[in-house]
N, C-alpha and C. Protein backbone atom coordinates (compact mmCIF):
# COMPACT_ATOMS: atom_id res chain seq x y z
N MET A 1 -2.55 18.61 -30.38
CA MET A 1 -3.77 19.09 -29.74
C MET A 1 -3.49 20.10 -28.63
N ASP A 2 -2.23 20.37 -28.36
CA ASP A 2 -1.92 21.36 -27.33
C ASP A 2 -2.45 22.74 -27.69
N TYR A 3 -2.62 23.01 -28.98
CA TYR A 3 -3.15 24.30 -29.40
C TYR A 3 -4.57 24.52 -28.89
N VAL A 4 -5.34 23.44 -28.69
CA VAL A 4 -6.70 23.56 -28.17
C VAL A 4 -6.65 24.08 -26.74
N VAL A 5 -5.83 23.45 -25.91
CA VAL A 5 -5.71 23.87 -24.52
C VAL A 5 -5.14 25.29 -24.47
N GLU A 6 -4.16 25.58 -25.28
CA GLU A 6 -3.54 26.91 -25.29
C GLU A 6 -4.56 27.98 -25.64
N TYR A 7 -5.42 27.72 -26.60
CA TYR A 7 -6.42 28.71 -26.98
C TYR A 7 -7.35 29.03 -25.82
N TYR A 8 -7.86 28.01 -25.15
CA TYR A 8 -8.85 28.23 -24.10
C TYR A 8 -8.25 28.65 -22.76
N THR A 9 -6.93 28.62 -22.64
CA THR A 9 -6.30 29.03 -21.38
C THR A 9 -5.48 30.31 -21.51
N ASN A 10 -5.26 30.80 -22.71
CA ASN A 10 -4.46 32.00 -22.93
C ASN A 10 -5.37 33.21 -23.16
N PRO A 11 -5.48 34.12 -22.18
CA PRO A 11 -6.38 35.27 -22.32
C PRO A 11 -6.09 36.13 -23.54
N ALA A 12 -4.86 36.17 -23.99
CA ALA A 12 -4.53 36.96 -25.17
C ALA A 12 -5.17 36.40 -26.44
N ARG A 13 -5.45 35.12 -26.45
CA ARG A 13 -6.04 34.48 -27.63
C ARG A 13 -7.54 34.68 -27.71
N HIS A 14 -8.22 34.83 -26.58
CA HIS A 14 -9.68 34.90 -26.59
C HIS A 14 -10.22 36.13 -25.86
N ARG A 15 -9.40 37.18 -25.79
CA ARG A 15 -9.82 38.48 -25.22
C ARG A 15 -10.32 38.39 -23.78
N GLY A 16 -9.71 37.54 -22.98
CA GLY A 16 -10.02 37.45 -21.57
C GLY A 16 -11.27 36.67 -21.21
N GLN A 17 -11.92 36.06 -22.18
CA GLN A 17 -13.09 35.24 -21.86
C GLN A 17 -12.65 34.02 -21.05
N ARG A 18 -13.57 33.52 -20.24
CA ARG A 18 -13.31 32.31 -19.46
C ARG A 18 -14.22 31.21 -19.97
N PHE A 19 -13.70 29.99 -20.00
CA PHE A 19 -14.44 28.85 -20.54
C PHE A 19 -14.55 27.75 -19.49
N TYR A 20 -15.68 27.05 -19.54
CA TYR A 20 -15.94 25.94 -18.63
C TYR A 20 -16.15 24.67 -19.44
N LEU A 21 -15.64 23.57 -18.90
CA LEU A 21 -15.73 22.26 -19.55
C LEU A 21 -16.52 21.33 -18.64
N ARG A 22 -17.47 20.62 -19.24
CA ARG A 22 -18.25 19.67 -18.44
C ARG A 22 -17.39 18.45 -18.16
N THR A 23 -17.16 18.19 -16.88
CA THR A 23 -16.29 17.09 -16.48
C THR A 23 -17.06 15.94 -15.83
N THR A 24 -18.32 16.17 -15.48
CA THR A 24 -19.16 15.10 -14.94
C THR A 24 -20.58 15.29 -15.46
N ILE A 25 -21.32 14.20 -15.47
CA ILE A 25 -22.74 14.26 -15.84
C ILE A 25 -23.52 13.61 -14.71
N ALA A 26 -24.40 14.38 -14.10
CA ALA A 26 -25.22 13.86 -13.02
C ALA A 26 -26.68 14.19 -13.32
N HIS A 27 -27.57 13.34 -12.86
CA HIS A 27 -28.99 13.57 -13.06
C HIS A 27 -29.42 14.78 -12.22
N VAL A 28 -30.12 15.70 -12.86
CA VAL A 28 -30.64 16.87 -12.17
C VAL A 28 -32.16 16.83 -12.30
N PRO A 29 -32.87 16.46 -11.22
CA PRO A 29 -34.33 16.41 -11.32
C PRO A 29 -34.90 17.80 -11.58
N ARG A 30 -35.85 17.84 -12.47
CA ARG A 30 -36.52 19.09 -12.84
C ARG A 30 -35.50 20.17 -13.19
N ALA A 31 -34.59 19.83 -14.06
CA ALA A 31 -33.56 20.78 -14.46
C ALA A 31 -34.21 22.02 -15.07
N PRO A 32 -33.81 23.19 -14.60
CA PRO A 32 -34.40 24.42 -15.14
C PRO A 32 -33.87 24.73 -16.52
N THR A 33 -34.55 25.62 -17.21
CA THR A 33 -34.06 26.06 -18.50
C THR A 33 -33.14 27.25 -18.27
N PRO A 34 -32.18 27.50 -19.10
CA PRO A 34 -31.91 26.74 -20.31
C PRO A 34 -31.21 25.42 -19.99
N ALA A 35 -31.69 24.38 -20.62
CA ALA A 35 -31.10 23.07 -20.40
C ALA A 35 -29.80 22.96 -21.20
N MET A 36 -28.84 22.27 -20.63
CA MET A 36 -27.58 22.02 -21.33
C MET A 36 -27.59 20.58 -21.78
N PRO A 37 -27.08 20.29 -22.96
CA PRO A 37 -27.04 18.90 -23.40
C PRO A 37 -26.15 18.08 -22.48
N ALA A 38 -26.53 16.85 -22.24
CA ALA A 38 -25.77 15.95 -21.37
C ALA A 38 -24.63 15.31 -22.15
N VAL A 39 -23.64 16.12 -22.48
CA VAL A 39 -22.49 15.67 -23.25
C VAL A 39 -21.23 15.97 -22.45
N LEU A 40 -20.46 14.96 -22.18
CA LEU A 40 -19.21 15.14 -21.46
C LEU A 40 -18.23 15.93 -22.31
N PHE A 41 -17.47 16.79 -21.69
CA PHE A 41 -16.47 17.65 -22.33
C PHE A 41 -17.08 18.69 -23.26
N HIS A 42 -18.32 19.06 -22.99
CA HIS A 42 -18.95 20.17 -23.70
C HIS A 42 -18.34 21.45 -23.15
N LEU A 43 -17.94 22.36 -24.02
CA LEU A 43 -17.26 23.59 -23.64
C LEU A 43 -18.19 24.77 -23.82
N VAL A 44 -18.26 25.65 -22.82
CA VAL A 44 -19.11 26.84 -22.92
C VAL A 44 -18.38 28.06 -22.37
N ARG A 45 -18.81 29.23 -22.82
CA ARG A 45 -18.30 30.48 -22.26
C ARG A 45 -18.87 30.67 -20.86
N GLU A 46 -18.19 31.48 -20.08
CA GLU A 46 -18.64 31.75 -18.72
C GLU A 46 -20.03 32.37 -18.71
N SER A 47 -20.34 33.22 -19.68
CA SER A 47 -21.66 33.85 -19.72
C SER A 47 -22.77 32.80 -19.85
N THR A 48 -22.54 31.75 -20.60
CA THR A 48 -23.52 30.66 -20.73
C THR A 48 -23.56 29.85 -19.44
N TRP A 49 -22.40 29.54 -18.88
CA TRP A 49 -22.31 28.77 -17.64
C TRP A 49 -23.08 29.45 -16.52
N LYS A 50 -23.00 30.77 -16.45
CA LYS A 50 -23.67 31.52 -15.37
C LYS A 50 -25.19 31.46 -15.46
N THR A 51 -25.74 31.17 -16.63
CA THR A 51 -27.20 31.11 -16.77
C THR A 51 -27.78 29.79 -16.27
N SER A 52 -26.93 28.84 -15.96
CA SER A 52 -27.39 27.52 -15.49
C SER A 52 -27.61 27.54 -13.98
N SER A 53 -28.37 26.57 -13.52
CA SER A 53 -28.62 26.45 -12.08
C SER A 53 -27.32 26.02 -11.38
N PRO A 54 -27.22 26.30 -10.08
CA PRO A 54 -26.03 25.87 -9.34
C PRO A 54 -25.79 24.36 -9.42
N THR A 55 -26.85 23.58 -9.48
CA THR A 55 -26.70 22.13 -9.58
C THR A 55 -26.03 21.74 -10.89
N LEU A 56 -26.42 22.38 -11.98
CA LEU A 56 -25.78 22.11 -13.27
C LEU A 56 -24.35 22.66 -13.29
N ARG A 57 -24.14 23.84 -12.72
CA ARG A 57 -22.81 24.45 -12.73
C ARG A 57 -21.78 23.58 -12.01
N ASP A 58 -22.23 22.80 -11.03
CA ASP A 58 -21.31 21.92 -10.31
C ASP A 58 -20.70 20.85 -11.20
N GLN A 59 -21.29 20.60 -12.35
CA GLN A 59 -20.80 19.57 -13.26
C GLN A 59 -19.74 20.12 -14.23
N TRP A 60 -19.45 21.38 -14.13
CA TRP A 60 -18.52 22.06 -15.04
C TRP A 60 -17.31 22.55 -14.27
N LYS A 61 -16.20 22.67 -14.96
CA LYS A 61 -14.97 23.12 -14.32
C LYS A 61 -14.29 24.15 -15.23
N LEU A 62 -13.74 25.18 -14.62
CA LEU A 62 -13.00 26.19 -15.37
C LEU A 62 -11.84 25.51 -16.10
N VAL A 63 -11.68 25.79 -17.37
CA VAL A 63 -10.65 25.11 -18.17
C VAL A 63 -9.26 25.32 -17.58
N THR A 64 -9.01 26.49 -17.04
CA THR A 64 -7.68 26.76 -16.47
C THR A 64 -7.45 25.99 -15.16
N ALA A 65 -8.49 25.38 -14.61
CA ALA A 65 -8.38 24.64 -13.35
C ALA A 65 -8.38 23.12 -13.55
N LEU A 66 -8.36 22.66 -14.79
CA LEU A 66 -8.37 21.22 -15.05
C LEU A 66 -7.08 20.56 -14.59
N THR A 67 -7.21 19.35 -14.09
CA THR A 67 -6.02 18.57 -13.74
C THR A 67 -5.41 18.01 -15.03
N ALA A 68 -4.22 17.48 -14.92
CA ALA A 68 -3.57 16.88 -16.09
C ALA A 68 -4.40 15.72 -16.64
N GLU A 69 -5.00 14.93 -15.74
CA GLU A 69 -5.82 13.80 -16.16
C GLU A 69 -7.08 14.27 -16.89
N GLU A 70 -7.70 15.34 -16.39
CA GLU A 70 -8.91 15.88 -17.03
C GLU A 70 -8.57 16.45 -18.41
N LYS A 71 -7.44 17.13 -18.53
CA LYS A 71 -7.02 17.67 -19.83
C LYS A 71 -6.78 16.53 -20.82
N ALA A 72 -6.11 15.48 -20.35
CA ALA A 72 -5.83 14.33 -21.22
C ALA A 72 -7.12 13.68 -21.69
N ALA A 73 -8.08 13.51 -20.79
CA ALA A 73 -9.36 12.90 -21.16
C ALA A 73 -10.11 13.78 -22.16
N TRP A 74 -10.10 15.09 -21.95
CA TRP A 74 -10.74 16.03 -22.86
C TRP A 74 -10.13 15.92 -24.26
N LEU A 75 -8.82 15.98 -24.33
CA LEU A 75 -8.15 15.92 -25.63
C LEU A 75 -8.33 14.56 -26.29
N SER A 76 -8.36 13.50 -25.51
CA SER A 76 -8.61 12.17 -26.06
C SER A 76 -9.99 12.10 -26.69
N GLY A 77 -10.94 12.82 -26.11
CA GLY A 77 -12.30 12.85 -26.65
C GLY A 77 -12.42 13.58 -27.96
N LEU A 78 -11.38 14.31 -28.34
CA LEU A 78 -11.41 15.06 -29.61
C LEU A 78 -10.83 14.28 -30.78
N LYS A 79 -10.32 13.09 -30.50
CA LYS A 79 -9.69 12.30 -31.57
C LYS A 79 -9.91 10.82 -31.34
N LEU A 80 -9.71 10.06 -32.37
CA LEU A 80 -9.80 8.60 -32.27
C LEU A 80 -8.40 8.09 -31.99
N ASP A 81 -8.10 7.84 -30.70
CA ASP A 81 -6.74 7.48 -30.34
C ASP A 81 -6.63 6.20 -29.52
N LEU A 82 -7.75 5.54 -29.28
CA LEU A 82 -7.72 4.32 -28.49
C LEU A 82 -8.20 3.13 -29.31
N PRO A 83 -7.70 1.94 -29.00
CA PRO A 83 -8.14 0.75 -29.74
C PRO A 83 -9.66 0.60 -29.64
N GLY A 84 -10.27 0.25 -30.74
CA GLY A 84 -11.71 0.03 -30.77
C GLY A 84 -12.52 1.27 -31.09
N GLU A 85 -11.88 2.43 -31.09
CA GLU A 85 -12.62 3.66 -31.44
C GLU A 85 -12.70 3.77 -32.96
N GLY A 86 -13.85 4.16 -33.42
CA GLY A 86 -14.05 4.33 -34.85
C GLY A 86 -15.12 5.36 -35.09
N ARG A 87 -15.69 5.33 -36.26
CA ARG A 87 -16.70 6.31 -36.65
C ARG A 87 -17.86 6.37 -35.65
N ASP A 88 -18.36 5.21 -35.22
CA ASP A 88 -19.49 5.20 -34.28
C ASP A 88 -19.11 5.87 -32.96
N GLU A 89 -17.94 5.55 -32.47
CA GLU A 89 -17.46 6.14 -31.22
C GLU A 89 -17.37 7.67 -31.33
N PHE A 90 -16.82 8.13 -32.42
CA PHE A 90 -16.57 9.55 -32.60
C PHE A 90 -17.86 10.36 -32.66
N PHE A 91 -18.88 9.82 -33.30
CA PHE A 91 -20.09 10.59 -33.52
C PHE A 91 -21.19 10.36 -32.48
N GLU A 92 -20.94 9.52 -31.48
CA GLU A 92 -21.93 9.32 -30.42
C GLU A 92 -21.89 10.51 -29.47
N LYS A 93 -23.04 10.78 -28.84
CA LYS A 93 -23.13 11.89 -27.89
C LYS A 93 -23.13 11.40 -26.45
N THR A 94 -22.53 10.27 -26.18
CA THR A 94 -22.55 9.77 -24.80
C THR A 94 -21.18 9.85 -24.19
């Protein structure tokens, strides 16, 4: 899964685009549009991230600024690698 991180952090692979990953989910009263789905580890381009309110943007982090723990959690969310995870776990949006 290192290729996933390499793609989103290597400017040569994605023509200098910057990507943001949702690392927290917090309630935003009267969230403005465009609304973003409340899905942890949702990845968006910077152009999409900039259209959100500052309150929503605070829940996202630049992929190149992720800690080792955040990267591990993100990659773990892309596969079934923990005991008890199965089809239901993989396809849930929570």
